[in-house]
């Protein structure tokens, strides 16, 4: 699979591995997985940002590097990273404030196996009794033409670049909204229409669709009651819920009086 962000991945690999970069891209399952998960970076994919699974990788690789295992090669002696520290770090990252524990515990591994069913390794290793985690070093290390390569720093750089791209897209949306205040009515209608196209980023689509519906309902009243001569008038209000209970890509709006 190739998409707009693939160019950035290949650039990072070239900077890290030179002539071996093409082989790394084609033969590394974890790099291929990152390529799949970053397809929404800059082309306005309706799919979400995939931060949960990417950050599960990120915090474990970050821990791996911070302990110096990419240089010492003593990862097999490591007691593992604690879930508490990993989960806290995930929520410190951009767009990560409300992430749950599913990616670290099983979801990332499940999705990886879906894409790479014949790969003999799973990315995240976990000890249930101690609640300690490791990233599978077999997916980080490669040998190309008798040269040993470690992909950990490149993985961090790829995810960092993806996050910066997503942040840039969202900041552009905010700037567009600020400029829209000076547009003529026809231009505003065209602008809003462009934000609810199927290819628009899901976060932006949710914000815009909520805004449209909230305005639509803002001056609508209903009359209710149990006796015809004792009806009560109320204004409809639309709320955007703060959390979702299912990973179905749905939009949670609540209309109440």
Protein backbone atom coordinates (compact mmCIF):
# COMPACT_ATOMS: atom_id res chain seq x y z
CA UNK A 1 0.00 0.00 0.00
CA UNK A 2 1.23 3.46 -0.90
CA UNK A 3 -0.37 6.74 0.11
CA UNK A 4 0.71 10.33 0.66
CA UNK A 5 2.45 9.70 3.99
CA UNK A 6 4.40 6.75 2.54
CA UNK A 7 6.79 9.31 1.08
CA UNK A 8 7.57 10.58 4.57
CA UNK A 9 8.10 7.06 5.88
CA UNK A 10 10.54 6.31 3.07
CA UNK A 11 12.36 9.59 3.73
CA UNK A 12 12.81 8.69 7.40
CA UNK A 13 14.01 5.21 6.48
CA UNK A 14 16.53 6.60 4.00
CA UNK A 15 17.87 8.99 6.64
CA UNK A 16 18.32 6.10 9.06
CA UNK A 17 19.34 3.20 6.82
CA UNK A 18 20.55 4.64 3.52
CA UNK A 19 20.70 2.02 0.77
CA UNK A 20 18.95 -0.53 2.98
CA UNK A 21 15.81 1.60 3.35
CA UNK A 22 13.83 -0.04 0.53
CA UNK A 23 14.46 -3.49 1.98
CA UNK A 24 13.43 -2.32 5.44
CA UNK A 25 10.19 -0.85 4.09
CA UNK A 26 9.28 -3.95 2.09
CA UNK A 27 10.34 -6.65 4.55
CA UNK A 28 9.62 -5.24 8.00
CA UNK A 29 6.10 -6.13 9.23
CA UNK A 30 6.10 -3.35 11.84
CA UNK A 31 7.06 -0.71 9.26
CA UNK A 32 4.37 -2.03 6.94
CA UNK A 33 1.90 -1.83 9.80
CA UNK A 34 2.85 1.80 10.44
CA UNK A 35 2.37 2.50 6.75
CA UNK A 36 -1.16 1.08 6.93
CA UNK A 37 -2.04 2.97 10.10
CA UNK A 38 -0.83 6.35 8.83
CA UNK A 39 -2.89 6.45 5.64
CA UNK A 40 -5.11 9.18 7.10
CA UNK A 41 -2.18 11.54 7.66
CA UNK A 42 -2.69 14.10 4.92
CA UNK A 43 -5.35 13.04 2.44
CA UNK A 44 -8.37 13.62 4.66
CA UNK A 45 -9.29 10.00 5.20
CA UNK A 46 -12.67 9.37 6.84
CA UNK A 47 -10.89 6.80 8.99
CA UNK A 48 -9.76 7.91 12.42
CA UNK A 49 -6.25 8.83 13.44
CA UNK A 50 -5.41 5.39 14.89
CA UNK A 51 -3.66 6.99 17.84
CA UNK A 52 -4.49 4.20 20.30
CA UNK A 53 -2.60 1.45 18.48
CA UNK A 54 0.18 3.76 17.34
CA UNK A 55 0.70 5.08 20.85
CA UNK A 56 0.79 1.55 22.27
CA UNK A 57 3.78 0.99 19.98
CA UNK A 58 5.21 4.42 20.69
CA UNK A 59 5.33 4.23 24.50
CA UNK A 60 6.91 0.77 24.47
CA UNK A 61 9.55 1.70 21.89
CA UNK A 62 10.18 4.97 23.73
CA UNK A 63 10.77 2.98 26.93
CA UNK A 64 13.05 0.59 25.02
CA UNK A 65 15.18 3.50 23.76
CA UNK A 66 15.20 5.39 27.08
CA UNK A 67 16.69 2.31 28.76
CA UNK A 68 19.38 2.15 26.07
CA UNK A 69 18.44 -1.32 24.83
CA UNK A 70 18.76 -0.24 21.19
CA UNK A 71 22.48 0.04 21.90
CA UNK A 72 23.22 -2.44 24.70
CA UNK A 73 21.19 -5.36 23.37
CA UNK A 74 20.22 -6.50 26.88
CA UNK A 75 16.46 -6.26 26.47
CA UNK A 76 15.93 -9.91 27.40
CA UNK A 77 17.17 -9.06 30.92
CA UNK A 78 14.65 -6.23 31.36
CA UNK A 79 11.87 -6.64 33.94
CA UNK A 80 9.48 -4.86 31.58
CA UNK A 81 7.70 -1.52 31.58
CA UNK A 82 4.87 -1.06 34.08
CA UNK A 83 1.34 -0.61 32.75
CA UNK A 84 0.81 2.46 34.95
CA UNK A 85 3.76 4.30 33.40
CA UNK A 86 2.87 3.30 29.86
CA UNK A 87 -0.78 4.28 30.23
CA UNK A 88 0.13 7.62 31.81
CA UNK A 89 2.58 8.36 28.99
CA UNK A 90 -0.03 7.54 26.32
CA UNK A 91 -2.39 10.12 27.78
CA UNK A 92 0.34 12.78 27.81
CA UNK A 93 0.77 12.53 24.04
CA UNK A 94 -1.17 14.71 21.56
CA UNK A 95 -4.76 13.42 21.01
CA UNK A 96 -4.13 10.80 23.72
CA UNK A 97 -5.95 12.33 26.69
CA UNK A 98 -8.90 9.92 26.60
CA UNK A 99 -7.25 6.74 25.33
CA UNK A 100 -8.25 3.48 27.00
CA UNK A 101 -6.11 0.44 27.82
CA UNK A 102 -7.44 -1.80 25.02
CA UNK A 103 -4.58 -1.23 22.57
CA UNK A 104 -1.88 -2.14 25.08
CA UNK A 105 -3.73 -5.20 26.33
CA UNK A 106 -4.91 -6.88 23.15
CA UNK A 107 -6.34 -4.70 20.37
CA UNK A 108 -3.07 -3.71 18.75
CA UNK A 109 -1.89 -7.35 18.65
CA UNK A 110 -5.23 -8.50 17.21
CA UNK A 111 -5.14 -5.96 14.43
CA UNK A 112 -1.51 -6.70 13.63
CA UNK A 113 -2.32 -10.40 13.22
CA UNK A 114 -5.22 -9.48 10.95
CA UNK A 115 -2.84 -7.68 8.59
CA UNK A 116 0.06 -10.14 8.97
CA UNK A 117 -1.47 -13.55 9.69
CA UNK A 118 1.66 -15.50 8.76
CA UNK A 119 4.04 -13.40 10.87
CA UNK A 120 5.28 -15.57 13.74
CA UNK A 121 5.59 -12.64 16.16
CA UNK A 122 3.10 -10.41 17.97
CA UNK A 123 4.26 -6.86 18.74
CA UNK A 124 3.31 -6.47 22.40
CA UNK A 125 4.40 -9.01 25.02
CA UNK A 126 2.71 -8.96 28.43
CA UNK A 127 3.16 -10.70 31.77
CA UNK A 128 -0.26 -10.86 33.41
CA UNK A 129 0.96 -11.53 36.96
CA UNK A 130 3.30 -8.55 37.12
CA UNK A 131 1.46 -6.37 34.57
CA UNK A 132 4.76 -5.71 32.80
CA UNK A 133 5.10 -5.08 29.06
CA UNK A 134 7.74 -5.42 26.37
CA UNK A 135 7.82 -4.75 22.64
CA UNK A 136 8.81 -7.82 20.68
CA UNK A 137 12.42 -7.19 19.75
CA UNK A 138 12.15 -9.61 16.83
CA UNK A 139 10.11 -6.92 15.07
CA UNK A 140 12.61 -4.18 15.87
CA UNK A 141 15.79 -5.90 14.73
CA UNK A 142 16.61 -6.79 11.12
CA UNK A 143 19.61 -8.19 9.31
CA UNK A 144 20.09 -6.85 5.78
CA UNK A 145 23.10 -7.98 3.75
CA UNK A 146 24.79 -9.19 6.95
CA UNK A 147 24.30 -5.79 8.57
CA UNK A 148 22.34 -5.62 11.85
CA UNK A 149 19.73 -2.86 11.90
CA UNK A 150 17.61 -1.59 14.78
CA UNK A 151 14.35 0.09 13.74
CA UNK A 152 13.39 1.59 17.09
CA UNK A 153 14.48 5.19 16.47
CA UNK A 154 12.96 5.18 12.98
CA UNK A 155 9.65 3.93 14.41
CA UNK A 156 9.55 6.83 16.88
CA UNK A 157 10.37 9.31 14.12
CA UNK A 158 7.60 7.94 11.86
CA UNK A 159 4.94 8.21 14.55
CA UNK A 160 6.16 11.68 15.57
CA UNK A 161 5.93 12.84 11.95
CA UNK A 162 2.43 11.40 11.62
CA UNK A 163 1.24 13.17 14.77
CA UNK A 164 2.67 16.48 13.57
CA UNK A 165 0.85 16.06 10.26
CA UNK A 166 -2.45 15.37 12.03
CA UNK A 167 -1.93 18.36 14.33
CA UNK A 168 -1.22 20.53 11.30
CA UNK A 169 -4.42 19.41 9.58
CA UNK A 170 -6.47 20.27 12.65
CA UNK A 171 -4.80 23.65 13.07
CA UNK A 172 -5.53 24.41 9.40
CA UNK A 173 -9.19 23.61 10.04
CA UNK A 174 -9.25 26.13 12.92
CA UNK A 175 -7.67 28.79 10.71
CA UNK A 176 -10.21 28.04 7.95
CA UNK A 177 -13.03 28.54 10.45
CA UNK A 178 -11.57 31.88 11.54
CA UNK A 179 -11.33 33.04 7.94
CA UNK A 180 -14.90 31.88 7.25
CA UNK A 181 -16.20 34.71 9.41
CA UNK A 182 -15.26 37.09 6.60
CA UNK A 183 -16.74 35.04 3.76
CA UNK A 184 -19.93 35.83 1.86
CA UNK A 185 -22.98 33.60 2.48
CA UNK A 186 -22.48 31.55 -0.69
CA UNK A 187 -18.81 30.98 0.15
CA UNK A 188 -19.72 29.92 3.70
CA UNK A 189 -22.23 27.37 2.39
CA UNK A 190 -19.59 25.94 0.04
CA UNK A 191 -17.05 25.93 2.86
CA UNK A 192 -19.37 24.03 5.22
CA UNK A 193 -20.32 21.61 2.44
CA UNK A 194 -16.65 20.79 1.88
CA UNK A 195 -16.29 19.85 5.56
CA UNK A 196 -18.90 17.10 5.48
CA UNK A 197 -17.59 15.26 2.43
CA UNK A 198 -16.91 11.51 2.88
CA UNK A 199 -13.16 12.12 2.65
CA UNK A 200 -13.00 14.62 5.52
CA UNK A 201 -11.15 13.65 8.68
CA UNK A 202 -13.54 12.05 11.16
CA UNK A 203 -12.78 14.48 13.99
CA UNK A 204 -13.53 17.49 11.82
CA UNK A 205 -16.65 15.80 10.42
CA UNK A 206 -17.97 15.28 13.95
CA UNK A 207 -17.38 18.91 14.93
CA UNK A 208 -19.02 20.31 11.80
CA UNK A 209 -21.98 17.92 11.77
CA UNK A 210 -22.63 18.68 15.46
CA UNK A 211 -22.48 22.43 14.77
CA UNK A 212 -24.97 22.13 11.91
CA UNK A 213 -27.43 20.07 13.95
CA UNK A 214 -27.09 22.27 17.03
CA UNK A 215 -27.95 25.33 14.95
CA UNK A 216 -30.84 23.48 13.29
CA UNK A 217 -32.44 22.64 16.64
CA UNK A 218 -31.53 25.81 18.55
CA UNK A 219 -34.85 27.64 17.98
CA UNK A 220 -37.20 24.66 17.89
CA UNK A 221 -39.68 24.23 20.74
CA UNK A 222 -41.81 21.32 21.77
CA UNK A 223 -44.96 21.15 23.87
CA UNK A 224 -45.45 18.27 26.23
CA UNK A 225 -47.53 17.19 29.18
CA UNK A 226 -50.16 14.78 30.42
CA UNK A 227 -53.19 17.06 30.16
CA UNK A 228 -54.20 19.09 27.09
CA UNK A 229 -54.71 22.29 29.09
CA UNK A 230 -51.47 21.93 31.06
CA UNK A 231 -48.83 21.63 28.33
CA UNK A 232 -45.30 22.81 28.98
CA UNK A 233 -43.11 24.51 26.37
CA UNK A 234 -39.41 23.63 26.15
CA UNK A 235 -36.55 24.45 23.79
CA UNK A 236 -34.66 21.57 22.19
CA UNK A 237 -30.95 21.35 22.96
CA UNK A 238 -28.34 19.16 21.27
CA UNK A 239 -25.36 17.82 23.25
CA UNK A 240 -22.19 16.09 22.15
CA UNK A 241 -21.33 13.28 24.53
CA UNK A 242 -17.80 13.18 25.89
CA UNK A 243 -17.24 9.44 25.53
CA UNK A 244 -18.34 6.58 23.31
CA UNK A 245 -19.03 3.07 24.51
CA UNK A 246 -18.27 1.24 21.28
CA UNK A 247 -15.52 1.32 18.70
CA UNK A 248 -17.96 1.56 15.82
CA UNK A 249 -16.99 4.92 14.39
CA UNK A 250 -20.37 6.34 15.35
CA UNK A 251 -21.13 9.91 16.41
CA UNK A 252 -22.79 10.33 19.79
CA UNK A 253 -25.24 13.21 19.87
CA UNK A 254 -27.99 13.52 22.44
CA UNK A 255 -31.09 15.58 21.78
CA UNK A 256 -33.03 16.58 24.84
CA UNK A 257 -35.47 19.20 25.88
